[in-house]
Protein backbone atom coordinates (compact mmCIF):
# COMPACT_ATOMS: atom_id res chain seq x y z
CA MET A 1 -65.11 21.51 -62.12
CA LEU A 2 -61.46 22.33 -61.97
CA VAL A 3 -59.94 20.62 -58.98
CA VAL A 4 -56.47 21.67 -57.99
CA CYS A 5 -54.86 18.94 -55.94
CA LEU A 6 -51.55 18.47 -54.23
CA VAL A 7 -50.24 15.22 -55.67
CA ILE A 8 -46.58 14.80 -54.87
CA CYS A 9 -43.90 16.76 -53.07
CA PHE A 10 -41.54 18.87 -55.10
CA GLY A 11 -37.78 18.56 -55.40
CA ILE A 12 -36.15 17.05 -52.37
CA CYS A 13 -39.24 16.72 -50.18
CA HIS A 14 -38.64 13.71 -47.90
CA HIS A 15 -42.10 13.29 -46.43
CA PRO A 16 -45.33 11.91 -47.84
CA PRO A 17 -47.61 14.68 -49.11
CA VAL A 18 -50.65 15.91 -47.26
CA THR A 19 -53.57 15.20 -49.58
CA ASN A 20 -56.38 17.14 -47.95
CA TYR A 21 -55.28 20.55 -49.20
CA SER A 22 -57.40 21.10 -52.27
CA LEU A 23 -59.61 23.78 -53.68
CA VAL A 24 -62.48 23.57 -56.12
CA LEU A 25 -62.68 26.46 -58.54
CA PRO A 26 -65.75 26.18 -60.80
CA THR A 27 -65.33 26.84 -64.49
CA THR A 28 -69.05 27.47 -64.91
CA ASN A 29 -71.07 30.16 -63.17
CA ILE A 30 -67.83 31.78 -62.06
CA ASP A 31 -67.83 35.55 -61.55
CA THR A 32 -65.30 36.40 -64.24
CA VAL A 33 -65.27 40.10 -63.34
CA TYR A 34 -64.33 39.29 -59.76
CA LEU A 35 -61.73 36.74 -60.91
CA ARG A 36 -60.10 39.30 -63.19
CA ASN A 37 -59.98 41.76 -60.31
CA VAL A 38 -58.24 39.21 -58.09
CA LEU A 39 -55.74 38.34 -60.81
CA LEU A 40 -54.87 42.02 -61.31
CA GLY A 41 -54.87 42.95 -57.63
CA ASN A 42 -57.97 45.13 -57.67
CA VAL A 43 -59.25 43.79 -54.35
CA ASP A 44 -60.15 45.30 -50.99
CA TYR A 45 -58.67 42.46 -48.96
CA ALA A 46 -59.99 43.78 -45.66
CA HIS A 47 -63.61 43.54 -46.85
CA ASP A 48 -63.45 40.42 -49.02
CA SER A 49 -64.59 37.16 -47.40
CA ASN A 50 -62.15 35.15 -49.51
CA PHE A 51 -59.29 36.80 -47.63
CA VAL A 52 -58.43 36.80 -43.94
CA ARG A 53 -56.22 38.96 -41.78
CA VAL A 54 -53.19 37.09 -40.50
CA ASP A 55 -52.98 36.73 -36.74
CA PRO A 56 -50.16 39.05 -35.55
CA LYS A 57 -48.32 36.09 -34.00
CA TYR A 58 -47.65 34.79 -37.52
CA ALA A 59 -46.58 38.07 -39.13
CA TYR A 60 -44.46 41.16 -38.60
CA ARG A 61 -47.20 43.60 -39.62
CA SER A 62 -50.83 43.73 -40.75
CA ILE A 63 -51.14 41.23 -43.60
CA TYR A 64 -54.01 39.54 -45.46
CA LEU A 65 -53.97 36.16 -47.21
CA GLU A 66 -56.34 34.10 -49.30
CA ARG A 67 -58.29 32.03 -46.77
CA ASN A 68 -57.07 28.54 -47.83
CA THR A 69 -53.50 29.78 -48.01
CA TYR A 70 -53.74 31.17 -44.50
CA ASN A 71 -55.09 27.93 -43.05
CA ALA A 72 -52.31 25.95 -44.70
CA PHE A 73 -49.68 28.37 -43.45
CA VAL A 74 -50.94 28.07 -39.87
CA ASP A 75 -50.57 24.29 -40.10
CA MET A 76 -47.09 24.67 -41.57
CA HIS A 77 -46.10 27.22 -38.94
CA ASN A 78 -47.18 24.89 -36.14
CA ALA A 79 -45.29 21.94 -37.63
CA ALA A 80 -42.17 24.07 -38.01
CA ALA A 81 -42.46 25.33 -34.44
CA ALA A 82 -42.56 21.73 -33.22
CA ASP A 83 -39.18 21.29 -34.94
CA GLY A 84 -37.74 24.46 -33.41
CA VAL A 85 -38.23 26.62 -36.53
CA ASP A 86 -40.05 29.96 -36.37
CA LEU A 87 -41.75 31.02 -39.62
CA LYS A 88 -43.07 34.58 -39.84
CA ILE A 89 -44.75 36.27 -42.81
CA LEU A 90 -43.15 39.47 -44.10
CA SER A 91 -45.58 40.04 -46.97
CA GLY A 92 -48.79 38.48 -48.24
CA ALA A 93 -51.61 39.89 -50.35
CA ARG A 94 -50.63 43.08 -52.15
CA SER A 95 -53.05 45.16 -54.21
CA PHE A 96 -52.35 46.73 -57.59
CA GLU A 97 -51.92 50.11 -55.89
CA TYR A 98 -49.51 48.67 -53.30
CA GLN A 99 -47.43 47.04 -56.03
CA LYS A 100 -47.56 50.25 -58.04
CA ARG A 101 -46.02 52.17 -55.14
CA ILE A 102 -43.16 49.66 -54.99
CA TRP A 103 -42.68 49.82 -58.75
CA GLU A 104 -42.89 53.60 -59.06
CA HIS A 105 -40.40 54.08 -56.20
CA LYS A 106 -37.85 51.88 -57.94
CA TRP A 107 -38.61 53.50 -61.30
CA ALA A 108 -37.91 56.94 -59.82
CA LEU A 109 -34.54 55.71 -58.54
CA SER A 110 -33.51 54.56 -62.03
CA LYS A 111 -30.98 56.58 -64.01
CA ASP A 112 -32.64 59.20 -66.20
CA ASN A 113 -30.52 58.32 -69.22
CA GLN A 114 -31.46 54.63 -69.10
CA PRO A 115 -33.84 53.36 -71.80
CA ASP A 116 -37.23 52.44 -70.35
CA ILE A 117 -36.80 48.80 -71.30
CA GLN A 118 -33.56 48.63 -69.29
CA LYS A 119 -35.17 50.35 -66.30
CA ALA A 120 -37.97 47.80 -66.31
CA THR A 121 -35.59 44.87 -66.79
CA ASP A 122 -33.54 45.93 -63.77
CA ILE A 123 -36.60 46.32 -61.53
CA LEU A 124 -37.98 42.98 -62.73
CA ARG A 125 -35.06 41.12 -61.23
CA TYR A 126 -36.92 41.05 -57.92
CA SER A 127 -40.10 43.17 -58.23
CA ALA A 128 -43.21 42.60 -60.32
CA MET A 129 -45.00 45.07 -62.53
CA PRO A 130 -48.37 46.09 -61.06
CA GLY A 131 -51.02 43.68 -62.29
CA THR A 132 -48.56 40.80 -62.65
CA SER A 133 -47.62 39.92 -59.07
CA ARG A 134 -48.60 36.59 -57.55
CA HIS A 135 -48.97 38.52 -54.31
CA HIS A 136 -52.16 40.04 -55.77
CA TRP A 137 -53.83 36.65 -55.32
CA GLY A 138 -53.06 36.31 -51.62
CA THR A 139 -51.56 32.88 -52.29
CA ASP A 140 -47.90 33.86 -52.04
CA ILE A 141 -45.92 34.78 -48.96
CA ASP A 142 -42.48 36.13 -48.16
CA ILE A 143 -41.01 34.42 -45.11
CA ASN A 144 -38.52 35.65 -42.48
CA SER A 145 -36.08 37.63 -44.67
CA LEU A 146 -35.86 39.27 -48.10
CA SER A 147 -32.19 38.37 -48.46
CA ASN A 148 -31.01 35.18 -50.15
CA ALA A 149 -27.80 35.39 -48.11
CA TYR A 150 -29.78 35.16 -44.85
CA PHE A 151 -30.84 31.64 -45.77
CA GLU A 152 -27.30 30.44 -46.45
CA ARG A 153 -26.08 30.13 -42.86
CA GLY A 154 -27.11 29.87 -39.25
CA ARG A 155 -30.76 30.22 -38.33
CA GLY A 156 -31.72 31.17 -41.87
CA LEU A 157 -30.18 28.00 -43.30
CA LYS A 158 -32.06 25.92 -40.74
CA GLU A 159 -35.34 27.61 -41.73
CA TYR A 160 -34.71 27.20 -45.45
CA THR A 161 -33.70 23.57 -45.08
CA TRP A 162 -36.88 22.89 -43.13
CA LEU A 163 -38.97 24.55 -45.84
CA LEU A 164 -37.29 22.58 -48.61
CA GLU A 165 -37.93 19.34 -46.77
CA ASN A 166 -41.43 20.06 -45.47
CA ALA A 167 -43.25 22.92 -47.20
CA GLY A 168 -44.51 20.62 -49.95
CA ARG A 169 -46.48 18.64 -47.36
CA PHE A 170 -48.59 21.74 -46.80
CA GLY A 171 -48.98 22.74 -50.43
CA PHE A 172 -46.24 25.39 -50.56
CA CYS A 173 -43.61 25.66 -53.27
CA GLN A 174 -40.62 27.92 -53.85
CA VAL A 175 -41.62 29.15 -57.29
CA TYR A 176 -38.56 31.35 -57.86
CA THR A 177 -35.71 28.89 -57.68
CA SER A 178 -32.26 29.28 -59.21
CA LYS A 179 -32.43 29.64 -62.99
CA GLU A 180 -29.05 27.96 -63.42
CA ASN A 181 -29.27 24.81 -65.56
CA THR A 182 -33.07 25.16 -65.89
CA ASN A 183 -35.56 26.56 -68.36
CA ARG A 184 -37.11 28.85 -65.78
CA THR A 185 -37.44 32.48 -66.83
CA GLY A 186 -38.35 35.71 -65.07
CA TYR A 187 -37.35 36.81 -61.60
CA GLU A 188 -34.11 35.91 -59.88
CA MET A 189 -34.05 33.28 -57.16
CA GLU A 190 -36.03 34.18 -54.03
CA ARG A 191 -35.54 31.75 -51.18
CA TRP A 192 -38.10 33.67 -49.14
CA HIS A 193 -41.02 33.48 -51.60
CA TRP A 194 -43.40 30.52 -51.19
CA SER A 195 -46.60 29.93 -53.11
CA TYR A 196 -49.64 27.90 -52.05
CA LEU A 197 -50.02 25.76 -55.16
CA PRO A 198 -53.49 24.26 -54.60
CA VAL A 199 -54.88 27.76 -55.25
CA ALA A 200 -52.07 29.57 -57.06
CA ALA A 201 -51.78 26.94 -59.81
CA ALA A 202 -55.39 27.57 -60.76
CA TYR A 203 -54.88 31.34 -60.72
CA THR A 204 -51.81 30.93 -62.92
CA ASN A 205 -53.88 29.08 -65.51
CA HIS A 206 -56.68 31.63 -65.29
CA TYR A 207 -54.17 34.45 -65.72
CA ALA A 208 -52.76 32.91 -68.88
CA ARG A 209 -56.27 32.55 -70.25
CA MET A 210 -57.84 35.84 -69.18
CA ILE A 211 -55.19 38.58 -68.86
CA GLY A 212 -53.44 40.36 -71.73
CA TYR A 213 -51.14 43.33 -72.15
CA LYS A 214 -54.08 45.67 -72.61
CA ASP A 215 -54.81 45.04 -68.92
CA LEU A 216 -51.33 46.09 -67.78
CA VAL A 217 -51.61 49.86 -67.77
CA GLY A 218 -51.53 52.78 -65.36
CA PHE A 219 -47.89 52.76 -64.23
CA SER A 220 -44.50 53.93 -65.46
CA GLY A 221 -42.99 51.66 -68.09
CA SER A 222 -46.17 49.71 -68.77
CA HIS A 223 -45.58 50.23 -72.50
CA VAL A 224 -42.53 47.92 -72.44
CA ALA A 225 -44.41 44.98 -70.91
CA PRO A 226 -45.11 43.34 -74.30
CA ASP A 227 -41.49 43.74 -75.43
CA LEU A 228 -40.27 42.07 -72.24
CA GLN A 229 -42.92 39.33 -72.51
CA VAL A 230 -43.80 39.96 -68.88
CA VAL A 231 -46.78 37.59 -68.88
CA GLU A 232 -44.98 34.72 -70.56
CA ARG A 233 -41.58 35.10 -68.91
CA TYR A 234 -42.45 36.43 -65.45
CA VAL A 235 -46.03 35.55 -64.50
CA LEU A 236 -45.74 32.11 -66.08
CA GLY A 237 -41.98 31.70 -65.58
CA VAL A 238 -42.18 29.78 -62.32
CA ALA A 239 -40.49 26.61 -61.13
CA GLU A 240 -42.06 23.25 -61.93
CA CYS A 241 -43.25 22.00 -58.57
CA ASN A 242 -45.01 18.83 -59.68
CA PHE A 243 -48.45 19.89 -58.51
CA PRO A 244 -50.40 18.91 -61.64
CA LEU A 245 -53.90 20.15 -62.34
CA LEU A 246 -56.46 17.37 -62.47
CA LEU A 247 -59.46 17.99 -64.69
CA LYS A 248 -62.64 16.26 -63.57
């Protein structure tokens, strides 16, 4: 069995880690067809028992999350509230088709005379190609604002500081940190994007093992995905959060 465990807090976490957030993903008798569908976002979240609808008091609209991720977020939300910090989810699970609509909208806004590889590169600063988004898995959430500047002052700074100091206790990691002075590749920094590592780390490994460029089709610019090394640089280009995988 592959056991994904939260071992130590990341970065500047000042509190001891919570150790009861773990998920067992079997490597035998696993439904590989279903797993591939989750990895690529081909899921009907509303009718899948592995996903749950977020209570409206935790979100700004109708959102679904992977069940373990949701439970951990509720615990984190309650702890933050006790410290005077209000955490609300802006985005959670997003299907391939949902991500495609985001991608195609931005593609249509691109300059007609731009080479396709440049169009894709520009969009990839902050938006994933369909089939490559961590949001497909329901393990990743956008919190409170989609602006880095919001988290630099006032209420936003208080929220971000709380997350940096406490989110690791609940299994969450900011996977898109600053790329300055690091080896991280892919998307630009997103202070709002937090990933539930006890599940997402396993999905990341499964993605690297199971998904190839032949799977990334059906949207504008898909043909440049190999040239841009989207799997290697974007799907796998996340921050090191010190949540190692333990093989048992």
